[in-house]
PDB file of all heavy atoms in Angstrom:
ATOM      1  N   PRO A   1       0.837  -1.207   0.000  1.00  0.00           N
ATOM      2  CA  PRO A   1       0.000   0.000   0.000  1.00  0.00           C
ATOM      3  C   PRO A   1       0.872   1.257   0.000  1.00  0.00           C
ATOM      4  O   PRO A   1       1.738   1.424   0.858  1.00  0.00           O
ATOM      5  CB  PRO A   1      -0.811  -0.113   1.301  1.00  0.00           C
ATOM      6  CG  PRO A   1      -0.668  -1.531   1.743  1.00  0.00           C
ATOM      7  CD  PRO A   1       0.676  -1.969   1.249  1.00  0.00           C
ATOM      8  N   ALA A   2       0.662   2.120  -0.961  1.00  0.00           N
ATOM      9  CA  ALA A   2       1.443   3.363  -1.049  1.00  0.00           C
ATOM     10  C   ALA A   2       0.947   4.356  -0.013  1.00  0.00           C
ATOM     11  O   ALA A   2      -0.249   4.645   0.058  1.00  0.00           O
ATOM     12  CB  ALA A   2       1.327   3.955  -2.448  1.00  0.00           C
ATOM     13  N   THR A   3       1.857   4.875   0.783  1.00  0.00           N
ATOM     14  CA  THR A   3       1.497   5.885   1.786  1.00  0.00           C
ATOM     15  C   THR A   3       2.374   7.123   1.621  1.00  0.00           C
ATOM     16  O   THR A   3       1.919   8.171   1.194  1.00  0.00           O
ATOM     17  CB  THR A   3       1.619   5.321   3.212  1.00  0.00           C
ATOM     18  OG1 THR A   3       2.935   4.777   3.412  1.00  0.00           O
ATOM     19  CG2 THR A   3       0.576   4.249   3.466  1.00  0.00           C
ATOM     20  N   LYS A   4       3.677   6.966   1.899  1.00  0.00           N
ATOM     21  CA  LYS A   4       4.552   8.141   1.843  1.00  0.00           C
ATOM     22  C   LYS A   4       4.716   8.671   0.418  1.00  0.00           C
ATOM     23  O   LYS A   4       4.906   9.875   0.231  1.00  0.00           O
ATOM     24  CB  LYS A   4       5.904   7.830   2.470  1.00  0.00           C
ATOM     25  CG  LYS A   4       6.728   6.763   1.747  1.00  0.00           C
ATOM     26  CD  LYS A   4       8.078   6.583   2.449  1.00  0.00           C
ATOM     27  CE  LYS A   4       8.934   5.546   1.728  1.00  0.00           C
ATOM     28  NZ  LYS A   4      10.292   5.455   2.296  1.00  0.00           N
ATOM     29  N   THR A   5       4.629   7.791  -0.576  1.00  0.00           N
ATOM     30  CA  THR A   5       4.741   8.302  -1.950  1.00  0.00           C
ATOM     31  C   THR A   5       3.517   9.116  -2.340  1.00  0.00           C
ATOM     32  O   THR A   5       3.621  10.049  -3.138  1.00  0.00           O
ATOM     33  CB  THR A   5       4.953   7.166  -2.963  1.00  0.00           C
ATOM     34  OG1 THR A   5       3.962   6.161  -2.776  1.00  0.00           O
ATOM     35  CG2 THR A   5       6.344   6.567  -2.840  1.00  0.00           C
ATOM     36  N   TYR A   6       2.361   8.790  -1.769  1.00  0.00           N
ATOM     37  CA  TYR A   6       1.146   9.555  -2.098  1.00  0.00           C
ATOM     38  C   TYR A   6       1.244  10.980  -1.577  1.00  0.00           C
ATOM     39  O   TYR A   6       1.049  11.943  -2.323  1.00  0.00           O
ATOM     40  CB  TYR A   6      -0.091   8.868  -1.523  1.00  0.00           C
ATOM     41  CG  TYR A   6      -1.369   9.643  -1.792  1.00  0.00           C
ATOM     42  CD1 TYR A   6      -1.883   9.755  -3.075  1.00  0.00           C
ATOM     43  CD2 TYR A   6      -2.062  10.272  -0.759  1.00  0.00           C
ATOM     44  CE1 TYR A   6      -3.042  10.475  -3.339  1.00  0.00           C
ATOM     45  CE2 TYR A   6      -3.225  10.985  -1.008  1.00  0.00           C
ATOM     46  CZ  TYR A   6      -3.707  11.081  -2.300  1.00  0.00           C
ATOM     47  OH  TYR A   6      -4.857  11.803  -2.564  1.00  0.00           O
ATOM     48  N   THR A   7       1.563  11.136  -0.298  1.00  0.00           N
ATOM     49  CA  THR A   7       1.657  12.497   0.239  1.00  0.00           C
ATOM     50  C   THR A   7       2.823  13.252  -0.388  1.00  0.00           C
ATOM     51  O   THR A   7       2.752  14.476  -0.573  1.00  0.00           O
ATOM     52  CB  THR A   7       1.782  12.481   1.774  1.00  0.00           C
ATOM     53  OG1 THR A   7       2.808  11.563   2.165  1.00  0.00           O
ATOM     54  CG2 THR A   7       0.471  12.082   2.427  1.00  0.00           C
ATOM     55  N   ALA A   8       3.894  12.536  -0.748  1.00  0.00           N
ATOM     56  CA  ALA A   8       5.012  13.185  -1.443  1.00  0.00           C
ATOM     57  C   ALA A   8       4.576  13.688  -2.813  1.00  0.00           C
ATOM     58  O   ALA A   8       4.949  14.796  -3.233  1.00  0.00           O
ATOM     59  CB  ALA A   8       6.185  12.211  -1.579  1.00  0.00           C
ATOM     60  N   GLU A   9       3.787  12.904  -3.527  1.00  0.00           N
ATOM     61  CA  GLU A   9       3.260  13.336  -4.824  1.00  0.00           C
ATOM     62  C   GLU A   9       2.380  14.572  -4.665  1.00  0.00           C
ATOM     63  O   GLU A   9       2.475  15.525  -5.454  1.00  0.00           O
ATOM     64  CB  GLU A   9       2.465  12.210  -5.485  1.00  0.00           C
ATOM     65  CG  GLU A   9       3.321  11.089  -6.041  1.00  0.00           C
ATOM     66  CD  GLU A   9       2.506   9.912  -6.543  1.00  0.00           C
ATOM     67  OE1 GLU A   9       1.266   9.883  -6.301  1.00  0.00           O
ATOM     68  OE2 GLU A   9       3.090   9.012  -7.168  1.00  0.00           O
ATOM     69  N   LEU A  10       1.525  14.560  -3.643  1.00  0.00           N
ATOM     70  CA  LEU A  10       0.644  15.714  -3.425  1.00  0.00           C
ATOM     71  C   LEU A  10       1.459  16.986  -3.218  1.00  0.00           C
ATOM     72  O   LEU A  10       1.175  18.024  -3.835  1.00  0.00           O
ATOM     73  CB  LEU A  10      -0.256  15.481  -2.209  1.00  0.00           C
ATOM     74  CG  LEU A  10      -1.284  14.357  -2.258  1.00  0.00           C
ATOM     75  CD1 LEU A  10      -2.177  14.417  -1.008  1.00  0.00           C
ATOM     76  CD2 LEU A  10      -2.134  14.397  -3.505  1.00  0.00           C
ATOM     77  N   LEU A  11       2.464  16.911  -2.358  1.00  0.00           N
ATOM     78  CA  LEU A  11       3.252  18.107  -2.076  1.00  0.00           C
ATOM     79  C   LEU A  11       4.046  18.540  -3.304  1.00  0.00           C
ATOM     80  O   LEU A  11       4.115  19.740  -3.617  1.00  0.00           O
ATOM     81  CB  LEU A  11       4.191  17.858  -0.891  1.00  0.00           C
ATOM     82  CG  LEU A  11       5.083  19.040  -0.486  1.00  0.00           C
ATOM     83  CD1 LEU A  11       4.262  20.305  -0.235  1.00  0.00           C
ATOM     84  CD2 LEU A  11       5.922  18.689   0.732  1.00  0.00           C
ATOM     85  N   ALA A  12       4.636  17.601  -4.019  1.00  0.00           N
ATOM     86  CA  ALA A  12       5.404  17.952  -5.213  1.00  0.00           C
ATOM     87  C   ALA A  12       4.509  18.605  -6.264  1.00  0.00           C
ATOM     88  O   ALA A  12       4.895  19.594  -6.907  1.00  0.00           O
ATOM     89  CB  ALA A  12       6.084  16.710  -5.785  1.00  0.00           C
ATOM     90  N   LEU A  13       3.303  18.085  -6.431  1.00  0.00           N
ATOM     91  CA  LEU A  13       2.368  18.656  -7.411  1.00  0.00           C
ATOM     92  C   LEU A  13       1.906  20.046  -6.969  1.00  0.00           C
ATOM     93  O   LEU A  13       1.777  20.950  -7.799  1.00  0.00           O
ATOM     94  CB  LEU A  13       1.180  17.717  -7.606  1.00  0.00           C
ATOM     95  CG  LEU A  13       1.505  16.439  -8.394  1.00  0.00           C
ATOM     96  CD1 LEU A  13       0.412  15.395  -8.208  1.00  0.00           C
ATOM     97  CD2 LEU A  13       1.707  16.740  -9.880  1.00  0.00           C
ATOM     98  N   TYR A  14       1.668  20.217  -5.668  1.00  0.00           N
ATOM     99  CA  TYR A  14       1.292  21.542  -5.182  1.00  0.00           C
ATOM    100  C   TYR A  14       2.394  22.557  -5.472  1.00  0.00           C
ATOM    101  O   TYR A  14       2.131  23.663  -5.966  1.00  0.00           O
ATOM    102  CB  TYR A  14       0.993  21.494  -3.680  1.00  0.00           C
ATOM    103  CG  TYR A  14       0.919  22.868  -3.070  1.00  0.00           C
ATOM    104  CD1 TYR A  14      -0.161  23.713  -3.321  1.00  0.00           C
ATOM    105  CD2 TYR A  14       1.966  23.366  -2.290  1.00  0.00           C
ATOM    106  CE1 TYR A  14      -0.215  24.995  -2.796  1.00  0.00           C
ATOM    107  CE2 TYR A  14       1.916  24.641  -1.761  1.00  0.00           C
ATOM    108  CZ  TYR A  14       0.833  25.454  -2.021  1.00  0.00           C
ATOM    109  OH  TYR A  14       0.798  26.735  -1.512  1.00  0.00           O
ATOM    110  N   LEU A  15       3.637  22.191  -5.174  1.00  0.00           N
ATOM    111  CA  LEU A  15       4.754  23.111  -5.417  1.00  0.00           C
ATOM    112  C   LEU A  15       4.928  23.393  -6.905  1.00  0.00           C
ATOM    113  O   LEU A  15       5.236  24.530  -7.300  1.00  0.00           O
ATOM    114  CB  LEU A  15       6.039  22.535  -4.820  1.00  0.00           C
ATOM    115  CG  LEU A  15       6.088  22.443  -3.289  1.00  0.00           C
ATOM    116  CD1 LEU A  15       7.342  21.697  -2.839  1.00  0.00           C
ATOM    117  CD2 LEU A  15       6.001  23.811  -2.630  1.00  0.00           C
ATOM    118  N   LEU A  16       4.735  22.376  -7.732  1.00  0.00           N
ATOM    119  CA  LEU A  16       4.818  22.584  -9.182  1.00  0.00           C
ATOM    120  C   LEU A  16       3.802  23.623  -9.636  1.00  0.00           C
ATOM    121  O   LEU A  16       4.129  24.571 -10.371  1.00  0.00           O
ATOM    122  CB  LEU A  16       4.567  21.262  -9.912  1.00  0.00           C
ATOM    123  CG  LEU A  16       4.353  21.384 -11.422  1.00  0.00           C
ATOM    124  CD1 LEU A  16       5.639  21.756 -12.123  1.00  0.00           C
ATOM    125  CD2 LEU A  16       3.753  20.102 -11.990  1.00  0.00           C
ATOM    126  N   ILE A  17       2.562  23.465  -9.199  1.00  0.00           N
ATOM    127  CA  ILE A  17       1.498  24.357  -9.660  1.00  0.00           C
ATOM    128  C   ILE A  17       1.676  25.749  -9.063  1.00  0.00           C
ATOM    129  O   ILE A  17       1.409  26.760  -9.714  1.00  0.00           O
ATOM    130  CB  ILE A  17       0.132  23.710  -9.373  1.00  0.00           C
ATOM    131  CG1 ILE A  17      -0.027  22.507 -10.304  1.00  0.00           C
ATOM    132  CG2 ILE A  17      -1.014  24.690  -9.569  1.00  0.00           C
ATOM    133  CD1 ILE A  17      -0.823  21.375  -9.789  1.00  0.00           C
ATOM    134  N   GLU A  18       2.171  25.821  -7.837  1.00  0.00           N
ATOM    135  CA  GLU A  18       2.546  27.113  -7.270  1.00  0.00           C
ATOM    136  C   GLU A  18       3.607  27.785  -8.138  1.00  0.00           C
ATOM    137  O   GLU A  18       3.545  28.976  -8.411  1.00  0.00           O
ATOM    138  CB  GLU A  18       3.082  26.931  -5.852  1.00  0.00           C
ATOM    139  CG  GLU A  18       2.032  26.980  -4.780  1.00  0.00           C
ATOM    140  CD  GLU A  18       1.529  28.391  -4.540  1.00  0.00           C
ATOM    141  OE1 GLU A  18       2.160  29.144  -3.788  1.00  0.00           O
ATOM    142  OE2 GLU A  18       0.485  28.747  -5.111  1.00  0.00           O
ATOM    143  N   GLY A  19       4.601  26.994  -8.562  1.00  0.00           N
ATOM    144  CA  GLY A  19       5.650  27.539  -9.403  1.00  0.00           C
ATOM    145  C   GLY A  19       5.144  27.995 -10.753  1.00  0.00           C
ATOM    146  O   GLY A  19       5.599  29.023 -11.286  1.00  0.00           O
ATOM    147  N   LEU A  20       4.187  27.274 -11.312  1.00  0.00           N
ATOM    148  CA  LEU A  20       3.633  27.645 -12.611  1.00  0.00           C
ATOM    149  C   LEU A  20       2.919  28.994 -12.548  1.00  0.00           C
ATOM    150  O   LEU A  20       2.857  29.713 -13.544  1.00  0.00           O
ATOM    151  CB  LEU A  20       2.661  26.561 -13.099  1.00  0.00           C
ATOM    152  CG  LEU A  20       3.298  25.242 -13.552  1.00  0.00           C
ATOM    153  CD1 LEU A  20       2.223  24.208 -13.834  1.00  0.00           C
ATOM    154  CD2 LEU A  20       4.174  25.441 -14.789  1.00  0.00           C
ATOM    155  N   ARG A  21       2.401  29.336 -11.374  1.00  0.00           N
ATOM    156  CA  ARG A  21       1.703  30.621 -11.258  1.00  0.00           C
ATOM    157  C   ARG A  21       2.559  31.702 -10.580  1.00  0.00           C
ATOM    158  O   ARG A  21       2.066  32.778 -10.249  1.00  0.00           O
ATOM    159  CB  ARG A  21       0.385  30.460 -10.510  1.00  0.00           C
ATOM    160  CG  ARG A  21       0.502  30.163  -9.023  1.00  0.00           C
ATOM    161  CD  ARG A  21      -0.869  30.132  -8.390  1.00  0.00           C
ATOM    162  NE  ARG A  21      -0.806  30.016  -6.934  1.00  0.00           N
ATOM    163  CZ  ARG A  21      -1.673  30.573  -6.103  1.00  0.00           C
ATOM    164  NH1 ARG A  21      -2.674  31.291  -6.560  1.00  0.00           N
ATOM    165  NH2 ARG A  21      -1.566  30.413  -4.809  1.00  0.00           N
ATOM    166  N   GLY A  22       3.820  31.367 -10.356  1.00  0.00           N
ATOM    167  CA  GLY A  22       4.721  32.342  -9.746  1.00  0.00           C
ATOM    168  C   GLY A  22       4.603  32.449  -8.250  1.00  0.00           C
ATOM    169  O   GLY A  22       5.078  33.430  -7.647  1.00  0.00           O
ATOM    170  N   GLY A  23       3.992  31.456  -7.597  1.00  0.00           N
ATOM    171  CA  GLY A  23       3.857  31.474  -6.147  1.00  0.00           C
ATOM    172  C   GLY A  23       5.090  30.926  -5.457  1.00  0.00           C
ATOM    173  O   GLY A  23       6.012  30.406  -6.102  1.00  0.00           O
ATOM    174  N   ASP A  24       5.097  30.996  -4.124  1.00  0.00           N
ATOM    175  CA  ASP A  24       6.267  30.542  -3.365  1.00  0.00           C
ATOM    176  C   ASP A  24       5.997  29.303  -2.520  1.00  0.00           C
ATOM    177  O   ASP A  24       6.891  28.834  -1.798  1.00  0.00           O
ATOM    178  CB  ASP A  24       6.799  31.669  -2.471  1.00  0.00           C
ATOM    179  CG  ASP A  24       5.777  32.134  -1.431  1.00  0.00           C
ATOM    180  OD1 ASP A  24       4.670  31.555  -1.367  1.00  0.00           O
ATOM    181  OD2 ASP A  24       6.086  33.090  -0.693  1.00  0.00           O
ATOM    182  N   GLY A  25       4.772  28.776  -2.589  1.00  0.00           N
ATOM    183  CA  GLY A  25       4.460  27.565  -1.843  1.00  0.00           C
ATOM    184  C   GLY A  25       4.400  27.751  -0.343  1.00  0.00           C
ATOM    185  O   GLY A  25       4.514  26.789   0.421  1.00  0.00           O
ATOM    186  N   ALA A  26       4.175  28.978   0.110  1.00  0.00           N
ATOM    187  CA  ALA A  26       4.218  29.272   1.552  1.00  0.00           C
ATOM    188  C   ALA A  26       3.209  28.458   2.350  1.00  0.00           C
ATOM    189  O   ALA A  26       3.458  28.140   3.520  1.00  0.00           O
ATOM    190  CB  ALA A  26       3.985  30.761   1.777  1.00  0.00           C
ATOM    191  N   ALA A  27       2.076  28.104   1.736  1.00  0.00           N
ATOM    192  CA  ALA A  27       1.040  27.367   2.466  1.00  0.00           C
ATOM    193  C   ALA A  27       1.521  26.008   2.947  1.00  0.00           C
ATOM    194  O   ALA A  27       0.938  25.427   3.865  1.00  0.00           O
ATOM    195  CB  ALA A  27      -0.199  27.192   1.572  1.00  0.00           C
ATOM    196  N   ALA A  28       2.605  25.499   2.341  1.00  0.00           N
ATOM    197  CA  ALA A  28       3.076  24.156   2.680  1.00  0.00           C
ATOM    198  C   ALA A  28       4.123  24.136   3.786  1.00  0.00           C
ATOM    199  O   ALA A  28       4.486  23.064   4.279  1.00  0.00           O
ATOM    200  CB  ALA A  28       3.656  23.498   1.431  1.00  0.00           C
ATOM    201  N   LYS A  29       4.594  25.280   4.217  1.00  0.00           N
ATOM    202  CA  LYS A  29       5.774  25.318   5.082  1.00  0.00           C
ATOM    203  C   LYS A  29       5.582  24.639   6.432  1.00  0.00           C
ATOM    204  O   LYS A  29       6.506  24.076   6.979  1.00  0.00           O
ATOM    205  CB  LYS A  29       6.237  26.766   5.260  1.00  0.00           C
ATOM    206  CG  LYS A  29       6.883  27.317   3.989  1.00  0.00           C
ATOM    207  CD  LYS A  29       7.398  28.725   4.164  1.00  0.00           C
ATOM    208  CE  LYS A  29       8.052  29.212   2.872  1.00  0.00           C
ATOM    209  NZ  LYS A  29       8.467  30.626   2.945  1.00  0.00           N
ATOM    210  N   GLY A  30       4.401  24.670   6.986  1.00  0.00           N
ATOM    211  CA  GLY A  30       4.196  24.052   8.293  1.00  0.00           C
ATOM    212  C   GLY A  30       3.729  22.614   8.246  1.00  0.00           C
ATOM    213  O   GLY A  30       3.490  21.997   9.288  1.00  0.00           O
ATOM    214  N   LEU A  31       3.616  22.038   7.052  1.00  0.00           N
ATOM    215  CA  LEU A  31       3.014  20.708   6.932  1.00  0.00           C
ATOM    216  C   LEU A  31       3.794  19.590   7.621  1.00  0.00           C
ATOM    217  O   LEU A  31       3.166  18.707   8.223  1.00  0.00           O
ATOM    218  CB  LEU A  31       2.806  20.363   5.456  1.00  0.00           C
ATOM    219  CG  LEU A  31       1.713  21.163   4.739  1.00  0.00           C
ATOM    220  CD1 LEU A  31       1.668  20.790   3.257  1.00  0.00           C
ATOM    221  CD2 LEU A  31       0.344  20.915   5.373  1.00  0.00           C
ATOM    222  N   PRO A  32       5.120  19.540   7.551  1.00  0.00           N
ATOM    223  CA  PRO A  32       5.814  18.432   8.212  1.00  0.00           C
ATOM    224  C   PRO A  32       5.510  18.326   9.704  1.00  0.00           C
ATOM    225  O   PRO A  32       5.226  17.235  10.216  1.00  0.00           O
ATOM    226  CB  PRO A  32       7.299  18.741   7.954  1.00  0.00           C
ATOM    227  CG  PRO A  32       7.289  19.514   6.676  1.00  0.00           C
ATOM    228  CD  PRO A  32       6.055  20.376   6.771  1.00  0.00           C
ATOM    229  N   GLU A  33       5.538  19.448  10.396  1.00  0.00           N
ATOM    230  CA  GLU A  33       5.258  19.434  11.835  1.00  0.00           C
ATOM    231  C   GLU A  33       3.804  19.056  12.113  1.00  0.00           C
ATOM    232  O   GLU A  33       3.505  18.281  13.028  1.00  0.00           O
ATOM    233  CB  GLU A  33       5.569  20.802  12.437  1.00  0.00           C
ATOM    234  CG  GLU A  33       5.388  20.861  13.941  1.00  0.00           C
ATOM    235  CD  GLU A  33       5.760  22.216  14.523  1.00  0.00           C
ATOM    236  OE1 GLU A  33       6.240  23.088  13.767  1.00  0.00           O
ATOM    237  OE2 GLU A  33       5.553  22.396  15.735  1.00  0.00           O
ATOM    238  N   LEU A  34       2.886  19.586  11.303  1.00  0.00           N
ATOM    239  CA  LEU A  34       1.471  19.248  11.475  1.00  0.00           C
ATOM    240  C   LEU A  34       1.220  17.769  11.195  1.00  0.00           C
ATOM    241  O   LEU A  34       0.440  17.110  11.893  1.00  0.00           O
ATOM    242  CB  LEU A  34       0.604  20.109  10.553  1.00  0.00           C
ATOM    243  CG  LEU A  34       0.561  21.606  10.882  1.00  0.00           C
ATOM    244  CD1 LEU A  34      -0.167  22.370   9.787  1.00  0.00           C
ATOM    245  CD2 LEU A  34      -0.113  21.842  12.245  1.00  0.00           C
ATOM    246  N   ALA A  35       1.893  17.238  10.176  1.00  0.00           N
ATOM    247  CA  ALA A  35       1.745  15.817   9.845  1.00  0.00           C
ATOM    248  C   ALA A  35       2.231  14.945  10.993  1.00  0.00           C
ATOM    249  O   ALA A  35       1.599  13.932  11.337  1.00  0.00           O
ATOM    250  CB  ALA A  35       2.515  15.502   8.567  1.00  0.00           C
ATOM    251  N   ALA A  36       3.338  15.327  11.608  1.00  0.00           N
ATOM    252  CA  ALA A  36       3.847  14.564  12.749  1.00  0.00           C
ATOM    253  C   ALA A  36       2.834  14.560  13.892  1.00  0.00           C
ATOM    254  O   ALA A  36       2.630  13.531  14.554  1.00  0.00           O
ATOM    255  CB  ALA A  36       5.182  15.157  13.209  1.00  0.00           C
ATOM    256  N   GLY A  37       2.172  15.689  14.098  1.00  0.00           N
ATOM    257  CA  GLY A  37       1.158  15.770  15.144  1.00  0.00           C
ATOM    258  C   GLY A  37      -0.035  14.873  14.879  1.00  0.00           C
ATOM    259  O   GLY A  37      -0.572  14.230  15.796  1.00  0.00           O
ATOM    260  N   VAL A  38      -0.460  14.813  13.624  1.00  0.00           N
ATOM    261  CA  VAL A  38      -1.589  13.943  13.257  1.00  0.00           C
ATOM    262  C   VAL A  38      -1.209  12.476  13.448  1.00  0.00           C
ATOM    263  O   VAL A  38      -1.959  11.685  14.045  1.00  0.00           O
ATOM    264  CB  VAL A  38      -2.018  14.204  11.798  1.00  0.00           C
ATOM    265  CG1 VAL A  38      -3.011  13.142  11.331  1.00  0.00           C
ATOM    266  CG2 VAL A  38      -2.640  15.594  11.668  1.00  0.00           C
ATOM    267  N   LEU A  39      -0.042  12.084  12.959  1.00  0.00           N
ATOM    268  CA  LEU A  39       0.377  10.684  13.053  1.00  0.00           C
ATOM    269  C   LEU A  39       0.593  10.239  14.490  1.00  0.00           C
ATOM    270  O   LEU A  39       0.468   9.048  14.806  1.00  0.00           O
ATOM    271  CB  LEU A  39       1.648  10.473  12.231  1.00  0.00           C
ATOM    272  CG  LEU A  39       1.474  10.576  10.712  1.00  0.00           C
ATOM    273  CD1 LEU A  39       2.828  10.661  10.029  1.00  0.00           C
ATOM    274  CD2 LEU A  39       0.669   9.405  10.178  1.00  0.00           C
ATOM    275  N   ALA A  40       0.889  11.181  15.379  1.00  0.00           N
ATOM    276  CA  ALA A  40       1.105  10.840  16.790  1.00  0.00           C
ATOM    277  C   ALA A  40      -0.183  10.449  17.498  1.00  0.00           C
ATOM    278  O   ALA A  40      -0.145   9.918  18.610  1.00  0.00           O
ATOM    279  CB  ALA A  40       1.758  12.022  17.514  1.00  0.00           C
ATOM    280  N   ARG A  41      -1.320  10.689  16.854  1.00  0.00           N
ATOM    281  CA  ARG A  41      -2.622  10.411  17.477  1.00  0.00           C
ATOM    282  C   ARG A  41      -3.191   9.069  17.020  1.00  0.00           C
ATOM    283  O   ARG A  41      -4.391   8.888  16.869  1.00  0.00           O
ATOM    284  CB  ARG A  41      -3.588  11.550  17.162  1.00  0.00           C
ATOM    285  CG  ARG A  41      -3.152  12.882  17.770  1.00  0.00           C
ATOM    286  CD  ARG A  41      -3.810  14.060  17.094  1.00  0.00           C
ATOM    287  NE  ARG A  41      -5.266  13.982  17.132  1.00  0.00           N
ATOM    288  CZ  ARG A  41      -6.075  14.706  16.373  1.00  0.00           C
ATOM    289  NH1 ARG A  41      -5.556  15.591  15.528  1.00  0.00           N
ATOM    290  NH2 ARG A  41      -7.376  14.577  16.456  1.00  0.00           N
TER     291      ARG A  41
END
């Protein structure tokens, strides 16, 4: 079952599309810490 590759694909695609529109991907910056908090539960 794919798990880490799925969330990695999501983040990579988000950053790609942010880049295509000239964005900086700032919305993703806190995700690693938040993900750790979710998995801890």
